[in-house]
Every structure is written in structure tokens, then in C-alpha cells.
Amino acid sequence: MKSCLSAITLLCIFGSAGNAVAQPYTNLLPDRSLHLWMLPDGNPVQTGWGFDPDGALHLSGKGGNIVTRCEYQNFDLWFEFKISEKGNSGIKYRVQKYDSSWLGLEYQIQDDAAFPDQTPKHHTASLYDLVDRSSPILERRYLPLSEWSVGRIVVQNNRLRHWMNGNLIIDECSESQHFSDAVQDSKFRDKPGFGRNYS
């Protein structure tokens, strides 16, 4: 399974990622470098992405998916992000190729205030297009554009968890009937095995 960072406007800085089962954390952005990442076609990341003086990773312009060179089955990924105005991005995992598109589960990151009529399944920290934010702490609350937030994705076998600023937002089982129904009710309904590739 590849982890994919999808960015349309820009926002993310990764902290560390590692196996959720007693293995050390790995910094995915060592020395402000993207050598642990590649483009979906396997080529190195050379243009578009860069680091601010404070070390934050950002994308100039639109598009710009990048993928980890290593594959992670079970993992605990921590990252910091700041929402840009009208920003729409996310971190994808359990990614598979369907025709010419790389699709997977996604920790959504966007300027929710800019899209007030959007389904809650597209709000920040949701499991994009599948499960909305279940935490009452975050109900109808928008993140300030100028502040950093801490995100966390924990994947252990079929259990998927999304955290934001210390709050558990999503706790889902990819083998549950609820998950199957959510996929069938989403734009991924015609994608066999979506979100269930464990290796």
C-alpha cells in the first residue's frame, strides 16, 4: 500500500510515520528533503513542492500528488497542517490504481468555511466521501486559517482512526457492514476492493 499526499492548494507538513506495532517512528521529511517521496509514475519529485524557511512543506500551484517510496501496512502517521483560504487537499492511504487514477481512503483537509453547503463527509478530518466527523466537539466548527493543527492517522489491520488536535474523529472498521454501505453510497462504489488492500 502506498501513502499518497494529494494537494490542490496547500497545507501539509508531515511529522513522523511508522508501524503501529512496536517499531520506531520514521521522519518522512528528513532534512527538509523529499527523497522518501516520488510522483505516482515513480519519478522523483523535482518541481512544485518546496519548503518554507520554517520547514513547512508546500505546493505552488494546483495538482501535485506525491507518494511514499516505501509501503506501510499498519502505521501511525502524525502531521501538522495549516488550512489555506479555499484550500482543498488530503492525505490518502491504502491507495490502489484504478485505470489511470490512484484512489484510496483519505483524511480530508480543506477550508470548511469556504464550502459551507458541502456534505459533512467532505469536512476536514472526515474519511472522505465515506464517513463524516463523529466528534461533537468539532460539529460546525471551522479551523482558523492562520493556525496549525495536528492530524493523526492510525491504521491497524482493518481499524481506521483519524485524529485532529487530540480528538478522535473517525473510528471505523473496513470490514464492517457500515463501511461496505458507505462505499456503496459513495463515488467509489464501482471500485472493487476499495480501501481493503492491507498490504
N, C-alpha and C. Protein backbone atom coordinates (compact mmCIF):
# COMPACT_ATOMS: atom_id res chain seq x y z
N MET A 1 0.84 -1.18 0.00
CA MET A 1 0.00 0.00 0.00
C MET A 1 0.88 1.23 0.00
N LYS A 2 0.57 2.15 -0.88
CA LYS A 2 1.29 3.42 -0.92
C LYS A 2 0.48 4.47 -0.19
N SER A 3 1.19 5.40 0.44
CA SER A 3 0.54 6.56 1.03
C SER A 3 0.68 7.70 0.05
N CYS A 4 -0.39 8.42 -0.18
CA CYS A 4 -0.39 9.47 -1.17
C CYS A 4 -0.82 10.78 -0.54
N LEU A 5 -0.06 11.83 -0.79
CA LEU A 5 -0.44 13.16 -0.33
C LEU A 5 -0.99 13.90 -1.53
N SER A 6 -2.27 14.22 -1.47
CA SER A 6 -2.92 14.91 -2.56
C SER A 6 -3.15 16.35 -2.16
N ALA A 7 -2.63 17.27 -2.93
CA ALA A 7 -2.80 18.68 -2.57
C ALA A 7 -3.27 19.48 -3.75
N ILE A 8 -4.24 20.33 -3.52
CA ILE A 8 -4.72 21.21 -4.57
C ILE A 8 -4.34 22.63 -4.24
N THR A 9 -4.44 23.02 -3.04
CA THR A 9 -3.94 24.34 -2.66
C THR A 9 -2.85 24.06 -1.69
N LEU A 10 -2.65 24.30 -0.67
CA LEU A 10 -1.51 23.75 0.05
C LEU A 10 -1.45 23.79 1.59
N LEU A 11 -0.91 22.92 2.15
CA LEU A 11 -1.04 22.91 3.55
C LEU A 11 -0.30 21.94 4.41
N CYS A 12 0.30 20.95 4.05
CA CYS A 12 0.69 19.91 4.99
C CYS A 12 2.16 19.85 5.32
N ILE A 13 2.43 19.56 6.56
CA ILE A 13 3.80 19.20 6.94
C ILE A 13 3.71 17.90 7.72
N PHE A 14 4.44 16.88 7.28
CA PHE A 14 4.42 15.60 7.97
C PHE A 14 5.36 15.63 9.14
N GLY A 15 4.98 14.94 10.18
CA GLY A 15 5.91 14.72 11.28
C GLY A 15 6.60 13.40 11.06
N SER A 16 6.05 12.33 11.63
CA SER A 16 6.69 11.03 11.54
C SER A 16 5.67 9.97 11.21
N ALA A 17 6.13 8.86 10.67
CA ALA A 17 5.26 7.72 10.43
C ALA A 17 6.01 6.46 10.76
N GLY A 18 5.27 5.46 11.19
CA GLY A 18 5.91 4.19 11.48
C GLY A 18 4.87 3.11 11.60
N ASN A 19 5.31 1.89 11.85
CA ASN A 19 4.40 0.79 12.04
C ASN A 19 3.75 0.93 13.41
N ALA A 20 2.43 0.68 13.47
CA ALA A 20 1.71 0.84 14.73
C ALA A 20 2.08 -0.25 15.73
N VAL A 21 2.81 -1.29 15.29
CA VAL A 21 3.15 -2.38 16.19
C VAL A 21 4.62 -2.31 16.57
N ALA A 22 4.94 -1.59 17.62
CA ALA A 22 6.26 -1.59 18.27
C ALA A 22 7.45 -1.44 17.33
N GLN A 23 7.39 -0.50 16.44
CA GLN A 23 8.55 -0.16 15.63
C GLN A 23 8.81 1.33 15.77
N PRO A 24 10.05 1.76 15.57
CA PRO A 24 10.36 3.18 15.75
C PRO A 24 9.71 4.04 14.67
N TYR A 25 9.51 5.30 15.03
CA TYR A 25 8.96 6.24 14.07
C TYR A 25 10.00 6.61 13.02
N THR A 26 9.55 6.93 11.84
CA THR A 26 10.40 7.35 10.74
C THR A 26 9.98 8.75 10.30
N ASN A 27 10.90 9.67 10.26
CA ASN A 27 10.61 11.01 9.76
C ASN A 27 10.51 10.93 8.24
N LEU A 28 9.36 11.27 7.69
CA LEU A 28 9.17 11.18 6.24
C LEU A 28 9.68 12.42 5.49
N LEU A 29 10.14 13.41 6.24
CA LEU A 29 10.71 14.61 5.62
C LEU A 29 12.07 14.93 6.25
N PRO A 30 13.01 14.00 6.22
CA PRO A 30 14.30 14.24 6.87
C PRO A 30 15.09 15.35 6.19
N ASP A 31 15.65 16.24 6.99
CA ASP A 31 16.50 17.31 6.46
C ASP A 31 15.81 18.13 5.37
N ARG A 32 14.49 18.31 5.53
CA ARG A 32 13.72 19.09 4.53
C ARG A 32 13.92 18.54 3.12
N SER A 33 13.85 17.23 3.03
CA SER A 33 14.07 16.55 1.75
C SER A 33 12.85 15.72 1.38
N LEU A 34 12.62 15.55 0.07
CA LEU A 34 11.53 14.71 -0.42
C LEU A 34 12.06 13.42 -1.05
N HIS A 35 13.27 12.98 -0.64
CA HIS A 35 13.83 11.79 -1.26
C HIS A 35 13.08 10.51 -0.88
N LEU A 36 12.25 10.56 0.16
CA LEU A 36 11.43 9.40 0.53
C LEU A 36 10.09 9.39 -0.21
N TRP A 37 9.91 10.37 -1.11
CA TRP A 37 8.66 10.53 -1.86
C TRP A 37 8.95 10.47 -3.36
N MET A 38 7.91 10.19 -4.13
CA MET A 38 8.03 10.18 -5.58
C MET A 38 6.69 10.59 -6.19
N LEU A 39 6.71 10.85 -7.48
CA LEU A 39 5.47 11.09 -8.21
C LEU A 39 4.78 9.75 -8.43
N PRO A 40 3.47 9.74 -8.68
CA PRO A 40 2.77 8.46 -8.88
C PRO A 40 3.36 7.59 -9.99
N ASP A 41 4.04 8.20 -10.97
CA ASP A 41 4.65 7.41 -12.04
C ASP A 41 6.03 6.87 -11.68
N GLY A 42 6.48 7.14 -10.44
CA GLY A 42 7.76 6.63 -9.98
C GLY A 42 8.93 7.59 -10.14
N ASN A 43 8.72 8.70 -10.82
CA ASN A 43 9.79 9.69 -10.99
C ASN A 43 9.99 10.49 -9.72
N PRO A 44 11.19 11.05 -9.52
CA PRO A 44 11.44 11.86 -8.32
C PRO A 44 10.64 13.16 -8.34
N VAL A 45 10.39 13.69 -7.15
CA VAL A 45 9.69 14.97 -7.01
C VAL A 45 10.71 16.07 -7.26
N GLN A 46 10.52 16.85 -8.32
CA GLN A 46 11.51 17.87 -8.67
C GLN A 46 10.93 19.28 -8.71
N THR A 47 9.68 19.43 -9.08
CA THR A 47 9.09 20.77 -9.18
C THR A 47 7.76 20.82 -8.44
N GLY A 48 7.34 22.03 -8.09
CA GLY A 48 6.04 22.24 -7.46
C GLY A 48 6.09 22.25 -5.95
N TRP A 49 6.72 21.25 -5.36
CA TRP A 49 6.81 21.14 -3.91
C TRP A 49 8.07 21.81 -3.40
N GLY A 50 7.96 22.44 -2.22
CA GLY A 50 9.13 23.06 -1.61
C GLY A 50 8.91 23.32 -0.14
N PHE A 51 9.95 23.79 0.53
CA PHE A 51 9.90 24.04 1.96
C PHE A 51 10.02 25.53 2.25
N ASP A 52 9.18 26.02 3.16
CA ASP A 52 9.30 27.38 3.65
C ASP A 52 10.53 27.47 4.55
N PRO A 53 11.00 28.69 4.87
CA PRO A 53 12.14 28.83 5.78
C PRO A 53 11.92 28.16 7.14
N ASP A 54 10.65 28.07 7.57
CA ASP A 54 10.38 27.43 8.87
C ASP A 54 10.25 25.92 8.76
N GLY A 55 10.43 25.37 7.55
CA GLY A 55 10.41 23.92 7.36
C GLY A 55 9.10 23.34 6.90
N ALA A 56 8.07 24.16 6.69
CA ALA A 56 6.76 23.66 6.25
C ALA A 56 6.80 23.31 4.76
N LEU A 57 6.29 22.15 4.44
CA LEU A 57 6.20 21.70 3.06
C LEU A 57 5.00 22.37 2.41
N HIS A 58 5.16 22.86 1.18
CA HIS A 58 4.03 23.47 0.49
C HIS A 58 4.11 23.19 -1.00
N LEU A 59 2.97 23.37 -1.65
CA LEU A 59 2.86 23.17 -3.09
C LEU A 59 2.54 24.49 -3.75
N SER A 60 3.24 24.81 -4.80
CA SER A 60 2.95 26.01 -5.59
C SER A 60 2.07 25.60 -6.77
N GLY A 61 0.90 26.19 -6.88
CA GLY A 61 0.01 25.86 -7.98
C GLY A 61 -0.95 24.75 -7.63
N LYS A 62 -1.54 24.13 -8.65
CA LYS A 62 -2.56 23.11 -8.46
C LYS A 62 -2.00 21.73 -8.77
N GLY A 63 -2.77 20.71 -8.33
CA GLY A 63 -2.35 19.35 -8.57
C GLY A 63 -1.14 19.01 -7.72
N GLY A 64 -0.51 17.91 -8.02
CA GLY A 64 0.74 17.63 -7.33
C GLY A 64 0.73 16.47 -6.37
N ASN A 65 0.10 15.35 -6.74
CA ASN A 65 0.13 14.17 -5.88
C ASN A 65 1.56 13.66 -5.74
N ILE A 66 1.94 13.32 -4.51
CA ILE A 66 3.21 12.64 -4.27
C ILE A 66 2.93 11.40 -3.42
N VAL A 67 3.79 10.40 -3.56
CA VAL A 67 3.56 9.08 -2.97
C VAL A 67 4.82 8.65 -2.22
N THR A 68 4.65 7.98 -1.08
CA THR A 68 5.82 7.46 -0.37
C THR A 68 6.48 6.35 -1.18
N ARG A 69 7.81 6.30 -1.13
CA ARG A 69 8.53 5.24 -1.84
C ARG A 69 8.36 3.90 -1.14
N CYS A 70 8.24 3.92 0.18
CA CYS A 70 8.03 2.68 0.94
C CYS A 70 6.54 2.44 1.12
N GLU A 71 6.19 1.19 1.34
CA GLU A 71 4.81 0.83 1.61
C GLU A 71 4.64 0.56 3.10
N TYR A 72 3.48 0.95 3.63
CA TYR A 72 3.20 0.80 5.05
C TYR A 72 1.86 0.08 5.20
N GLN A 73 1.87 -1.05 5.91
CA GLN A 73 0.64 -1.81 6.11
C GLN A 73 -0.11 -1.29 7.32
N ASN A 74 0.50 -1.38 8.48
CA ASN A 74 -0.04 -0.79 9.70
C ASN A 74 0.85 0.38 10.07
N PHE A 75 0.25 1.51 10.42
CA PHE A 75 1.07 2.69 10.68
C PHE A 75 0.35 3.68 11.58
N ASP A 76 1.14 4.59 12.13
CA ASP A 76 0.67 5.67 12.98
C ASP A 76 1.34 6.94 12.46
N LEU A 77 0.62 7.71 11.66
CA LEU A 77 1.17 8.89 10.99
C LEU A 77 0.73 10.16 11.70
N TRP A 78 1.69 10.95 12.12
CA TRP A 78 1.43 12.26 12.74
C TRP A 78 1.86 13.34 11.76
N PHE A 79 1.11 14.43 11.68
CA PHE A 79 1.47 15.53 10.79
C PHE A 79 0.82 16.81 11.30
N GLU A 80 1.40 17.93 10.89
CA GLU A 80 0.83 19.23 11.20
C GLU A 80 0.36 19.85 9.89
N PHE A 81 -0.73 20.59 9.94
CA PHE A 81 -1.21 21.25 8.74
C PHE A 81 -1.85 22.59 9.08
N LYS A 82 -1.82 23.46 8.09
CA LYS A 82 -2.47 24.76 8.21
C LYS A 82 -3.36 24.92 6.98
N ILE A 83 -4.60 25.30 7.20
CA ILE A 83 -5.54 25.46 6.10
C ILE A 83 -5.27 26.76 5.36
N SER A 84 -5.20 26.69 4.04
CA SER A 84 -5.11 27.90 3.24
C SER A 84 -6.52 28.32 2.80
N GLU A 85 -6.69 29.57 2.47
CA GLU A 85 -8.02 30.05 2.07
C GLU A 85 -8.50 29.29 0.83
N LYS A 86 -9.70 28.71 0.94
CA LYS A 86 -10.30 27.89 -0.10
C LYS A 86 -9.46 26.66 -0.43
N GLY A 87 -8.60 26.28 0.50
CA GLY A 87 -7.75 25.11 0.30
C GLY A 87 -8.55 23.82 0.30
N ASN A 88 -8.10 22.86 -0.49
CA ASN A 88 -8.75 21.55 -0.59
C ASN A 88 -7.66 20.53 -0.85
N SER A 89 -7.42 19.67 0.12
CA SER A 89 -6.33 18.71 0.00
C SER A 89 -6.65 17.48 0.83
N GLY A 90 -5.64 16.67 1.08
CA GLY A 90 -5.85 15.50 1.90
C GLY A 90 -4.67 14.57 1.87
N ILE A 91 -4.72 13.57 2.72
CA ILE A 91 -3.70 12.53 2.78
C ILE A 91 -4.39 11.21 2.49
N LYS A 92 -3.96 10.55 1.42
CA LYS A 92 -4.58 9.29 1.02
C LYS A 92 -3.72 8.12 1.50
N TYR A 93 -4.40 7.01 1.79
CA TYR A 93 -3.71 5.79 2.19
C TYR A 93 -4.50 4.60 1.69
N ARG A 94 -3.90 3.42 1.74
CA ARG A 94 -4.49 2.23 1.11
C ARG A 94 -4.90 2.56 -0.32
N VAL A 95 -3.93 3.12 -1.01
CA VAL A 95 -4.16 3.57 -2.38
C VAL A 95 -4.01 2.41 -3.36
N GLN A 96 -4.88 2.37 -4.36
CA GLN A 96 -4.80 1.40 -5.44
C GLN A 96 -4.99 2.14 -6.76
N LYS A 97 -4.48 1.54 -7.82
CA LYS A 97 -4.65 2.14 -9.14
C LYS A 97 -5.88 1.56 -9.82
N TYR A 98 -6.77 2.44 -10.23
CA TYR A 98 -7.96 2.07 -10.98
C TYR A 98 -7.86 2.78 -12.32
N ASP A 99 -7.65 2.03 -13.39
CA ASP A 99 -7.39 2.61 -14.71
C ASP A 99 -6.20 3.57 -14.58
N SER A 100 -6.39 4.85 -14.86
CA SER A 100 -5.26 5.78 -14.78
C SER A 100 -5.25 6.58 -13.48
N SER A 101 -6.17 6.27 -12.55
CA SER A 101 -6.28 7.05 -11.31
C SER A 101 -5.83 6.25 -10.10
N TRP A 102 -5.11 6.94 -9.19
CA TRP A 102 -4.74 6.36 -7.90
C TRP A 102 -5.78 6.82 -6.89
N LEU A 103 -6.54 5.88 -6.34
CA LEU A 103 -7.61 6.20 -5.40
C LEU A 103 -7.39 5.46 -4.09
N GLY A 104 -7.82 6.07 -3.00
CA GLY A 104 -7.68 5.42 -1.70
C GLY A 104 -8.47 6.15 -0.64
N LEU A 105 -8.40 5.63 0.56
CA LEU A 105 -9.01 6.29 1.70
C LEU A 105 -8.30 7.62 1.92
N GLU A 106 -9.02 8.60 2.44
CA GLU A 106 -8.43 9.94 2.53
C GLU A 106 -8.82 10.66 3.81
N TYR A 107 -7.82 11.19 4.47
CA TYR A 107 -8.02 12.15 5.57
C TYR A 107 -8.19 13.50 4.89
N GLN A 108 -9.41 13.99 4.85
CA GLN A 108 -9.69 15.23 4.13
C GLN A 108 -9.15 16.44 4.88
N ILE A 109 -8.59 17.39 4.14
CA ILE A 109 -8.11 18.65 4.70
C ILE A 109 -8.59 19.77 3.78
N GLN A 110 -9.43 20.66 4.30
CA GLN A 110 -9.91 21.76 3.47
C GLN A 110 -10.36 22.93 4.33
N ASP A 111 -10.57 24.06 3.67
CA ASP A 111 -11.14 25.24 4.31
C ASP A 111 -12.64 25.05 4.36
N ASP A 112 -13.14 24.41 5.43
CA ASP A 112 -14.57 24.08 5.53
C ASP A 112 -15.45 25.32 5.44
N ALA A 113 -14.98 26.44 5.95
CA ALA A 113 -15.78 27.67 5.93
C ALA A 113 -16.04 28.14 4.51
N ALA A 114 -15.17 27.78 3.58
CA ALA A 114 -15.34 28.19 2.19
C ALA A 114 -16.34 27.32 1.45
N PHE A 115 -16.71 26.18 2.06
CA PHE A 115 -17.64 25.25 1.43
C PHE A 115 -18.74 24.88 2.42
N PRO A 116 -19.53 25.86 2.89
CA PRO A 116 -20.50 25.61 3.97
C PRO A 116 -21.62 24.65 3.60
N ASP A 117 -21.91 24.50 2.31
CA ASP A 117 -23.01 23.64 1.90
C ASP A 117 -22.57 22.23 1.54
N GLN A 118 -21.30 21.95 1.72
CA GLN A 118 -20.77 20.64 1.37
C GLN A 118 -21.20 19.59 2.38
N THR A 119 -21.30 18.34 1.93
CA THR A 119 -21.65 17.25 2.82
C THR A 119 -20.61 17.13 3.94
N PRO A 120 -21.03 16.80 5.15
CA PRO A 120 -20.08 16.60 6.25
C PRO A 120 -19.02 15.53 5.96
N LYS A 121 -19.30 14.65 5.01
CA LYS A 121 -18.32 13.63 4.63
C LYS A 121 -17.13 14.21 3.87
N HIS A 122 -17.17 15.52 3.61
CA HIS A 122 -16.05 16.18 2.93
C HIS A 122 -15.36 17.18 3.85
N HIS A 123 -15.75 17.25 5.11
CA HIS A 123 -15.14 18.20 6.04
C HIS A 123 -13.77 17.70 6.51
N THR A 124 -12.96 18.62 6.99
CA THR A 124 -11.62 18.27 7.47
C THR A 124 -11.67 17.17 8.53
N ALA A 125 -10.80 16.20 8.38
CA ALA A 125 -10.63 15.02 9.25
C ALA A 125 -11.65 13.92 8.97
N SER A 126 -12.59 14.16 8.05
CA SER A 126 -13.52 13.09 7.69
C SER A 126 -12.77 12.01 6.91
N LEU A 127 -13.39 10.84 6.80
CA LEU A 127 -12.92 9.80 5.89
C LEU A 127 -13.63 10.11 4.57
N TYR A 128 -12.92 10.79 3.70
CA TYR A 128 -13.51 11.48 2.55
C TYR A 128 -14.55 10.66 1.80
N ASP A 129 -15.73 11.25 1.68
CA ASP A 129 -16.89 10.73 0.94
C ASP A 129 -17.48 9.46 1.55
N LEU A 130 -16.95 9.02 2.70
CA LEU A 130 -17.44 7.79 3.31
C LEU A 130 -18.04 8.02 4.70
N VAL A 131 -17.28 8.64 5.59
CA VAL A 131 -17.71 8.79 6.99
C VAL A 131 -17.46 10.23 7.43
N ASP A 132 -18.48 10.87 8.02
CA ASP A 132 -18.30 12.25 8.47
C ASP A 132 -17.69 12.29 9.86
N ARG A 133 -17.36 13.49 10.30
CA ARG A 133 -16.75 13.68 11.61
C ARG A 133 -17.77 13.37 12.69
N SER A 134 -17.47 12.38 13.50
CA SER A 134 -18.42 11.95 14.53
C SER A 134 -18.26 12.70 15.84
N SER A 135 -17.19 13.48 15.97
CA SER A 135 -16.93 14.14 17.24
C SER A 135 -17.82 15.37 17.42
N PRO A 136 -18.64 15.41 18.49
CA PRO A 136 -19.47 16.60 18.72
C PRO A 136 -18.65 17.84 19.02
N ILE A 137 -17.39 17.64 19.42
CA ILE A 137 -16.50 18.78 19.70
C ILE A 137 -16.30 19.63 18.45
N LEU A 138 -16.30 18.96 17.28
CA LEU A 138 -15.99 19.66 16.05
C LEU A 138 -17.22 20.02 15.23
N GLU A 139 -18.40 19.73 15.73
CA GLU A 139 -19.61 19.98 14.96
C GLU A 139 -19.73 21.47 14.62
N ARG A 140 -19.81 21.74 13.32
CA ARG A 140 -19.99 23.10 12.79
C ARG A 140 -18.90 24.07 13.24
N ARG A 141 -17.72 23.55 13.53
CA ARG A 141 -16.62 24.41 13.96
C ARG A 141 -15.56 24.44 12.87
N TYR A 142 -15.18 25.63 12.46
CA TYR A 142 -14.20 25.77 11.40
C TYR A 142 -12.83 26.06 11.98
N LEU A 143 -11.81 25.49 11.36
CA LEU A 143 -10.44 25.75 11.80
C LEU A 143 -10.00 27.12 11.31
N PRO A 144 -9.33 27.90 12.16
CA PRO A 144 -8.81 29.19 11.71
C PRO A 144 -7.71 29.00 10.66
N LEU A 145 -7.71 29.87 9.66
CA LEU A 145 -6.75 29.73 8.56
C LEU A 145 -5.31 29.94 9.00
N SER A 146 -5.11 30.71 10.05
CA SER A 146 -3.75 31.10 10.42
C SER A 146 -3.11 30.18 11.46
N GLU A 147 -3.81 29.16 11.92
CA GLU A 147 -3.30 28.32 13.00
C GLU A 147 -2.96 26.91 12.52
N TRP A 148 -1.92 26.35 13.14
CA TRP A 148 -1.55 24.97 12.85
C TRP A 148 -2.45 24.01 13.62
N SER A 149 -2.76 22.89 12.98
CA SER A 149 -3.49 21.81 13.62
C SER A 149 -2.65 20.54 13.53
N VAL A 150 -2.90 19.62 14.43
CA VAL A 150 -2.17 18.34 14.44
C VAL A 150 -3.12 17.24 14.01
N GLY A 151 -2.76 16.54 12.95
CA GLY A 151 -3.54 15.41 12.47
C GLY A 151 -2.83 14.11 12.77
N ARG A 152 -3.61 13.06 12.81
CA ARG A 152 -3.03 11.73 13.06
C ARG A 152 -3.91 10.70 12.38
N ILE A 153 -3.28 9.76 11.69
CA ILE A 153 -3.98 8.63 11.07
C ILE A 153 -3.37 7.37 11.64
N VAL A 154 -4.20 6.53 12.25
CA VAL A 154 -3.73 5.25 12.79
C VAL A 154 -4.46 4.14 12.05
N VAL A 155 -3.70 3.28 11.39
CA VAL A 155 -4.26 2.15 10.65
C VAL A 155 -3.66 0.88 11.21
N GLN A 156 -4.51 0.01 11.72
CA GLN A 156 -4.05 -1.27 12.24
C GLN A 156 -5.00 -2.34 11.74
N ASN A 157 -4.52 -3.10 10.74
CA ASN A 157 -5.34 -4.11 10.08
C ASN A 157 -6.59 -3.45 9.52
N ASN A 158 -7.78 -3.83 9.99
CA ASN A 158 -9.00 -3.25 9.41
C ASN A 158 -9.55 -2.07 10.21
N ARG A 159 -8.82 -1.62 11.21
CA ARG A 159 -9.28 -0.48 12.02
C ARG A 159 -8.63 0.81 11.52
N LEU A 160 -9.47 1.80 11.25
CA LEU A 160 -9.02 3.08 10.71
C LEU A 160 -9.42 4.19 11.67
N ARG A 161 -8.44 4.99 12.10
CA ARG A 161 -8.76 6.09 13.02
C ARG A 161 -8.15 7.39 12.53
N HIS A 162 -8.95 8.45 12.60
CA HIS A 162 -8.49 9.81 12.29
C HIS A 162 -8.58 10.64 13.56
N TRP A 163 -7.52 11.37 13.85
CA TRP A 163 -7.48 12.27 15.00
C TRP A 163 -7.20 13.69 14.51
N MET A 164 -7.69 14.68 15.24
CA MET A 164 -7.34 16.06 14.97
C MET A 164 -7.25 16.82 16.28
N ASN A 165 -6.10 17.45 16.51
CA ASN A 165 -5.86 18.22 17.73
C ASN A 165 -6.21 17.44 18.99
N GLY A 166 -5.83 16.16 19.00
CA GLY A 166 -6.03 15.32 20.17
C GLY A 166 -7.40 14.70 20.30
N ASN A 167 -8.32 15.00 19.38
CA ASN A 167 -9.67 14.46 19.42
C ASN A 167 -9.82 13.32 18.41
N LEU A 168 -10.37 12.19 18.86
CA LEU A 168 -10.66 11.09 17.95
C LEU A 168 -11.88 11.47 17.11
N ILE A 169 -11.71 11.52 15.80
CA ILE A 169 -12.76 11.98 14.90
C ILE A 169 -13.44 10.83 14.18
N ILE A 170 -12.64 9.90 13.69
CA ILE A 170 -13.15 8.75 12.94
C ILE A 170 -12.60 7.48 13.58
N ASP A 171 -13.47 6.50 13.80
CA ASP A 171 -13.06 5.18 14.29
C ASP A 171 -13.89 4.17 13.52
N GLU A 172 -13.32 3.60 12.48
CA GLU A 172 -14.08 2.81 11.52
C GLU A 172 -13.40 1.47 11.29
N CYS A 173 -14.19 0.44 11.01
CA CYS A 173 -13.68 -0.88 10.66
C CYS A 173 -13.96 -1.12 9.18
N SER A 174 -12.92 -1.36 8.40
CA SER A 174 -13.11 -1.51 6.96
C SER A 174 -13.74 -2.84 6.57
N GLU A 175 -13.97 -3.73 7.55
CA GLU A 175 -14.67 -4.99 7.28
C GLU A 175 -16.11 -4.94 7.78
N SER A 176 -16.54 -3.81 8.28
CA SER A 176 -17.90 -3.71 8.85
C SER A 176 -18.94 -3.49 7.76
N GLN A 177 -20.18 -3.79 8.10
CA GLN A 177 -21.28 -3.52 7.18
C GLN A 177 -21.44 -2.02 6.96
N HIS A 178 -21.20 -1.25 8.01
CA HIS A 178 -21.28 0.21 7.90
C HIS A 178 -20.31 0.73 6.84
N PHE A 179 -19.08 0.22 6.84
CA PHE A 179 -18.09 0.64 5.85
C PHE A 179 -18.53 0.22 4.45
N SER A 180 -19.00 -1.03 4.30
CA SER A 180 -19.46 -1.51 2.99
C SER A 180 -20.59 -0.64 2.46
N ASP A 181 -21.53 -0.30 3.34
CA ASP A 181 -22.65 0.55 2.93
C ASP A 181 -22.16 1.94 2.54
N ALA A 182 -21.18 2.46 3.28
CA ALA A 182 -20.64 3.79 2.99
C ALA A 182 -19.98 3.81 1.61
N VAL A 183 -19.23 2.75 1.28
CA VAL A 183 -18.60 2.68 -0.04
C VAL A 183 -19.66 2.62 -1.13
N GLN A 184 -20.69 1.81 -0.91
CA GLN A 184 -21.76 1.68 -1.90
C GLN A 184 -22.53 2.98 -2.11
N ASP A 185 -22.52 3.84 -1.10
CA ASP A 185 -23.23 5.12 -1.17
C ASP A 185 -22.30 6.25 -1.60
N SER A 186 -21.09 5.92 -2.05
CA SER A 186 -20.09 6.93 -2.39
C SER A 186 -19.73 6.87 -3.87
N LYS A 187 -18.84 7.76 -4.27
CA LYS A 187 -18.39 7.76 -5.66
C LYS A 187 -17.42 6.62 -5.95
N PHE A 188 -17.07 5.84 -4.91
CA PHE A 188 -16.15 4.72 -5.08
C PHE A 188 -16.88 3.39 -5.23
N ARG A 189 -18.18 3.43 -5.40
CA ARG A 189 -18.99 2.20 -5.40
C ARG A 189 -18.57 1.21 -6.48
N ASP A 190 -18.04 1.71 -7.59
CA ASP A 190 -17.66 0.82 -8.69
C ASP A 190 -16.18 0.45 -8.68
N LYS A 191 -15.52 0.65 -7.53
CA LYS A 191 -14.09 0.35 -7.42
C LYS A 191 -13.90 -0.91 -6.56
N PRO A 192 -13.69 -2.06 -7.17
CA PRO A 192 -13.58 -3.31 -6.41
C PRO A 192 -12.48 -3.26 -5.36
N GLY A 193 -12.79 -3.72 -4.15
CA GLY A 193 -11.80 -3.79 -3.08
C GLY A 193 -11.36 -2.45 -2.54
N PHE A 194 -12.11 -1.40 -2.80
CA PHE A 194 -11.70 -0.06 -2.38
C PHE A 194 -11.48 0.00 -0.87
N GLY A 195 -10.29 0.46 -0.46
CA GLY A 195 -9.98 0.65 0.95
C GLY A 195 -9.71 -0.62 1.72
N ARG A 196 -9.64 -1.76 1.03
CA ARG A 196 -9.46 -3.03 1.74
C ARG A 196 -8.16 -3.72 1.36
N ASN A 197 -7.25 -3.01 0.75
CA ASN A 197 -5.94 -3.58 0.46
C ASN A 197 -5.05 -3.39 1.68
N TYR A 198 -4.71 -4.48 2.33
CA TYR A 198 -3.99 -4.41 3.60
C TYR A 198 -2.48 -4.52 3.45
N SER A 199 -1.99 -4.78 2.27
CA SER A 199 -0.54 -4.90 2.09
C SER A 199 -0.13 -4.25 0.79
